């Protein structure tokens, strides 16, 4: 296992290719759950868990079920079904053990099922190529990419929630309150993260 590759994957997933701010995936929960810091952190933890577990399971499904039977073209359907099952498990767990957080997340918890960032990381794990010789992510690198992708998603969500909580007390024009200022804020955060795109990793 190459530690350098893992560091590069982490930096890429969190900063350079952040799923929300660079790839623009998972915008729905990013805008919908970022009103309060507590619910943003809760959603972020749930996404990290789902992304990591989804990367683990979908890698096995792809290479040990789809590839041997030449069913690679079914990867999107298989991944969606896998992610839906994982989210259902998390939803039942949170409803029983964390009712307050479950109520705070509301409709956005089931929406992880259709969160394109979770599906995106599963697909990128099998499509990403490291080098000119066509080297793909290994099993460990795929899980690590899922975990760090979730961390990047959580960081973006927490930053957005922190800013939006402060904006509640800001003297804004009536026409900018609510979603308009949220969209402007998210665009500015995305532009700030764009500064990482000039980084070069050895």
Protein backbone atom coordinates (compact mmCIF):
# COMPACT_ATOMS: atom_id res chain seq x y z
CA UNK A 1 0.00 0.00 0.00
CA UNK A 2 1.47 3.32 -1.12
CA UNK A 3 1.11 6.00 1.59
CA UNK A 4 1.85 8.75 -0.95
CA UNK A 5 -1.16 7.71 -3.00
CA UNK A 6 -3.37 7.81 0.10
CA UNK A 7 -2.17 11.32 0.97
CA UNK A 8 -2.80 12.45 -2.61
CA UNK A 9 -6.28 10.93 -2.56
CA UNK A 10 -7.07 12.69 0.73
CA UNK A 11 -5.88 16.11 -0.48
CA UNK A 12 -7.67 15.63 -3.79
CA UNK A 13 -10.97 14.53 -2.24
CA UNK A 14 -11.05 17.17 0.50
CA UNK A 15 -9.64 20.23 -1.27
CA UNK A 16 -8.90 19.89 -4.99
CA UNK A 17 -11.94 17.85 -6.06
CA UNK A 18 -14.36 18.52 -3.21
CA UNK A 19 -17.62 16.83 -4.16
CA UNK A 20 -19.77 19.84 -3.30
CA UNK A 21 -17.57 22.81 -4.12
CA UNK A 22 -15.62 21.50 -7.11
CA UNK A 23 -17.72 18.71 -8.62
CA UNK A 24 -21.06 20.29 -7.57
CA UNK A 25 -22.51 16.99 -6.36
CA UNK A 26 -24.81 16.77 -3.34
CA UNK A 27 -26.03 20.37 -3.58
CA UNK A 28 -29.50 19.51 -2.21
CA UNK A 29 -28.38 18.49 1.33
CA UNK A 30 -25.61 21.12 1.20
CA UNK A 31 -28.17 23.93 0.91
CA UNK A 32 -31.01 22.24 2.80
CA UNK A 33 -29.20 21.05 5.95
CA UNK A 34 -26.73 23.91 6.34
CA UNK A 35 -29.10 26.19 8.26
CA UNK A 36 -27.96 24.90 11.66
CA UNK A 37 -24.49 23.75 12.66
CA UNK A 38 -25.74 20.77 14.70
CA UNK A 39 -27.75 19.27 11.86
CA UNK A 40 -24.89 19.98 9.42
CA UNK A 41 -22.43 18.04 11.58
CA UNK A 42 -24.94 15.19 11.99
CA UNK A 43 -25.55 15.01 8.26
CA UNK A 44 -21.82 15.17 7.60
CA UNK A 45 -21.15 12.22 9.91
CA UNK A 46 -23.94 10.23 8.23
CA UNK A 47 -22.52 11.01 4.77
CA UNK A 48 -18.99 10.03 5.84
CA UNK A 49 -20.30 6.71 7.13
CA UNK A 50 -22.43 6.05 4.03
CA UNK A 51 -19.67 7.07 1.60
CA UNK A 52 -17.10 4.87 3.32
CA UNK A 53 -19.42 1.88 3.59
CA UNK A 54 -20.72 2.41 0.03
CA UNK A 55 -17.15 2.47 -1.31
CA UNK A 56 -16.44 -0.79 0.53
CA UNK A 57 -19.55 -2.62 -0.68
CA UNK A 58 -19.75 -1.27 -4.24
CA UNK A 59 -16.10 -2.17 -4.90
CA UNK A 60 -16.86 -5.77 -3.92
CA UNK A 61 -20.10 -5.80 -5.93
CA UNK A 62 -18.37 -4.44 -9.02
CA UNK A 63 -15.24 -6.61 -9.05
CA UNK A 64 -16.69 -9.82 -7.61
CA UNK A 65 -20.23 -9.82 -9.03
CA UNK A 66 -20.51 -7.56 -12.07
CA UNK A 67 -17.08 -8.05 -13.69
CA UNK A 68 -16.97 -11.89 -13.54
CA UNK A 69 -20.37 -12.07 -15.28
CA UNK A 70 -19.64 -9.20 -17.74
CA UNK A 71 -22.38 -7.06 -16.21
CA UNK A 72 -20.32 -3.87 -15.79
CA UNK A 73 -22.98 -1.89 -17.64
CA UNK A 74 -25.31 -2.45 -14.65
CA UNK A 75 -22.95 -0.69 -12.23
CA UNK A 76 -25.13 2.40 -11.75
CA UNK A 77 -28.25 0.38 -10.93
CA UNK A 78 -26.32 -1.96 -8.65
CA UNK A 79 -24.68 0.96 -6.83
CA UNK A 80 -27.99 2.80 -6.32
CA UNK A 81 -29.58 -0.33 -4.82
CA UNK A 82 -26.57 -0.86 -2.55
CA UNK A 83 -26.57 2.77 -1.35
CA UNK A 84 -30.35 2.70 -0.78
CA UNK A 85 -29.99 -0.37 1.44
CA UNK A 86 -27.16 1.24 3.44
CA UNK A 87 -29.11 4.46 3.97
CA UNK A 88 -32.16 2.49 5.09
CA UNK A 89 -29.99 0.76 7.68
CA UNK A 90 -28.59 4.08 8.95
CA UNK A 91 -32.05 5.64 9.06
CA UNK A 92 -33.40 2.79 11.22
CA UNK A 93 -30.34 2.96 13.49
CA UNK A 94 -30.62 6.75 13.99
CA UNK A 95 -34.37 6.59 14.54
CA UNK A 96 -33.85 4.12 17.38
CA UNK A 97 -30.65 5.46 18.98
CA UNK A 98 -30.51 9.17 18.03
CA UNK A 99 -34.12 10.41 17.76
CA UNK A 100 -33.20 14.10 18.20
CA UNK A 101 -30.72 14.05 15.33
CA UNK A 102 -33.10 11.92 13.27
CA UNK A 103 -35.83 14.57 13.71
CA UNK A 104 -33.39 17.42 12.96
CA UNK A 105 -32.28 15.87 9.66
CA UNK A 106 -35.86 15.14 8.67
CA UNK A 107 -36.40 14.47 4.96
CA UNK A 108 -32.73 15.02 4.14
CA UNK A 109 -31.64 11.71 5.67
CA UNK A 110 -33.55 9.60 3.12
CA UNK A 111 -32.24 11.98 0.47
CA UNK A 112 -28.74 10.53 1.03
CA UNK A 113 -30.07 7.65 -1.08
CA UNK A 114 -30.34 10.00 -4.06
CA UNK A 115 -27.33 12.11 -3.05
CA UNK A 116 -25.28 12.11 -6.22
CA UNK A 117 -22.09 12.65 -4.19
CA UNK A 118 -22.46 9.18 -2.66
CA UNK A 119 -23.17 7.61 -6.05
CA UNK A 120 -20.41 9.74 -7.55
CA UNK A 121 -17.72 8.41 -5.19
CA UNK A 122 -18.77 4.82 -5.93
CA UNK A 123 -18.49 5.38 -9.69
CA UNK A 124 -15.25 7.38 -9.44
CA UNK A 125 -13.67 4.56 -7.44
CA UNK A 126 -13.94 2.23 -10.42
CA UNK A 127 -13.30 4.87 -13.09
CA UNK A 128 -10.38 6.79 -11.56
CA UNK A 129 -7.02 6.12 -13.20
CA UNK A 130 -3.77 6.87 -11.34
CA UNK A 131 -1.23 6.63 -14.11
CA UNK A 132 -0.77 6.33 -17.88
CA UNK A 133 -0.60 2.55 -17.54
CA UNK A 134 -4.29 2.48 -16.51
CA UNK A 135 -3.74 1.78 -12.81
CA UNK A 136 -7.07 2.03 -10.93
CA UNK A 137 -7.84 2.50 -7.25
CA UNK A 138 -7.17 -0.55 -5.14
CA UNK A 139 -9.66 -1.80 -2.55
CA UNK A 140 -8.05 0.20 0.28
CA UNK A 141 -7.69 3.32 -1.89
CA UNK A 142 -11.37 3.13 -2.84
CA UNK A 143 -12.45 2.99 0.82
CA UNK A 144 -10.05 5.82 1.66
CA UNK A 145 -11.41 7.90 -1.22
CA UNK A 146 -14.94 7.36 0.09
CA UNK A 147 -13.95 8.35 3.63
CA UNK A 148 -12.00 11.47 2.63
CA UNK A 149 -14.71 12.44 0.14
CA UNK A 150 -17.16 12.37 3.03
CA UNK A 151 -14.78 14.44 5.14
CA UNK A 152 -14.57 17.02 2.34
CA UNK A 153 -18.37 17.07 2.10
CA UNK A 154 -18.64 17.56 5.88
CA UNK A 155 -16.08 20.39 5.91
CA UNK A 156 -17.99 22.22 3.18
CA UNK A 157 -21.28 21.65 5.02
CA UNK A 158 -19.93 22.87 8.37
CA UNK A 159 -18.34 25.98 6.81
CA UNK A 160 -21.62 26.80 5.09
CA UNK A 161 -23.66 26.20 8.26
CA UNK A 162 -21.34 28.40 10.34
CA UNK A 163 -21.64 31.26 7.87
CA UNK A 164 -25.42 30.91 7.53
CA UNK A 165 -25.88 31.00 11.32
CA UNK A 166 -23.97 34.29 11.39
CA UNK A 167 -26.01 35.62 8.46
CA UNK A 168 -29.19 35.17 10.52
CA UNK A 169 -28.10 38.25 12.52
CA UNK A 170 -26.82 40.23 9.52
CA UNK A 171 -28.64 43.28 8.24
CA UNK A 172 -29.54 42.05 4.76
CA UNK A 173 -31.93 43.44 2.18
CA UNK A 174 -35.25 41.61 2.28
CA UNK A 175 -34.75 40.23 -1.22
CA UNK A 176 -31.44 38.59 -0.20
CA UNK A 177 -32.67 36.76 2.89
CA UNK A 178 -32.94 32.97 2.84
CA UNK A 179 -31.93 31.09 -0.30
CA UNK A 180 -30.52 34.02 -2.32
CA UNK A 181 -27.77 34.79 0.22
CA UNK A 182 -27.21 31.03 0.70
CA UNK A 183 -26.49 30.62 -3.03
CA UNK A 184 -24.20 33.67 -3.08
CA UNK A 185 -22.35 32.35 -0.01
CA UNK A 186 -21.91 28.86 -1.49
CA UNK A 187 -20.58 30.39 -4.71
CA UNK A 188 -18.01 32.42 -2.76
CA UNK A 189 -16.92 29.35 -0.78
CA UNK A 190 -16.56 27.40 -4.04
CA UNK A 191 -14.41 30.21 -5.45
CA UNK A 192 -12.24 30.09 -2.33
CA UNK A 193 -11.74 26.33 -2.72
CA UNK A 194 -10.86 26.94 -6.36
CA UNK A 195 -7.61 28.39 -5.05
CA UNK A 196 -6.52 24.85 -4.14
CA UNK A 197 -6.67 23.84 -7.81
CA UNK A 198 -3.25 25.38 -8.36
CA UNK A 199 -1.64 23.02 -5.85
CA UNK A 200 0.86 20.47 -7.10
CA UNK A 201 1.33 17.24 -5.19
CA UNK A 202 4.57 15.31 -5.55
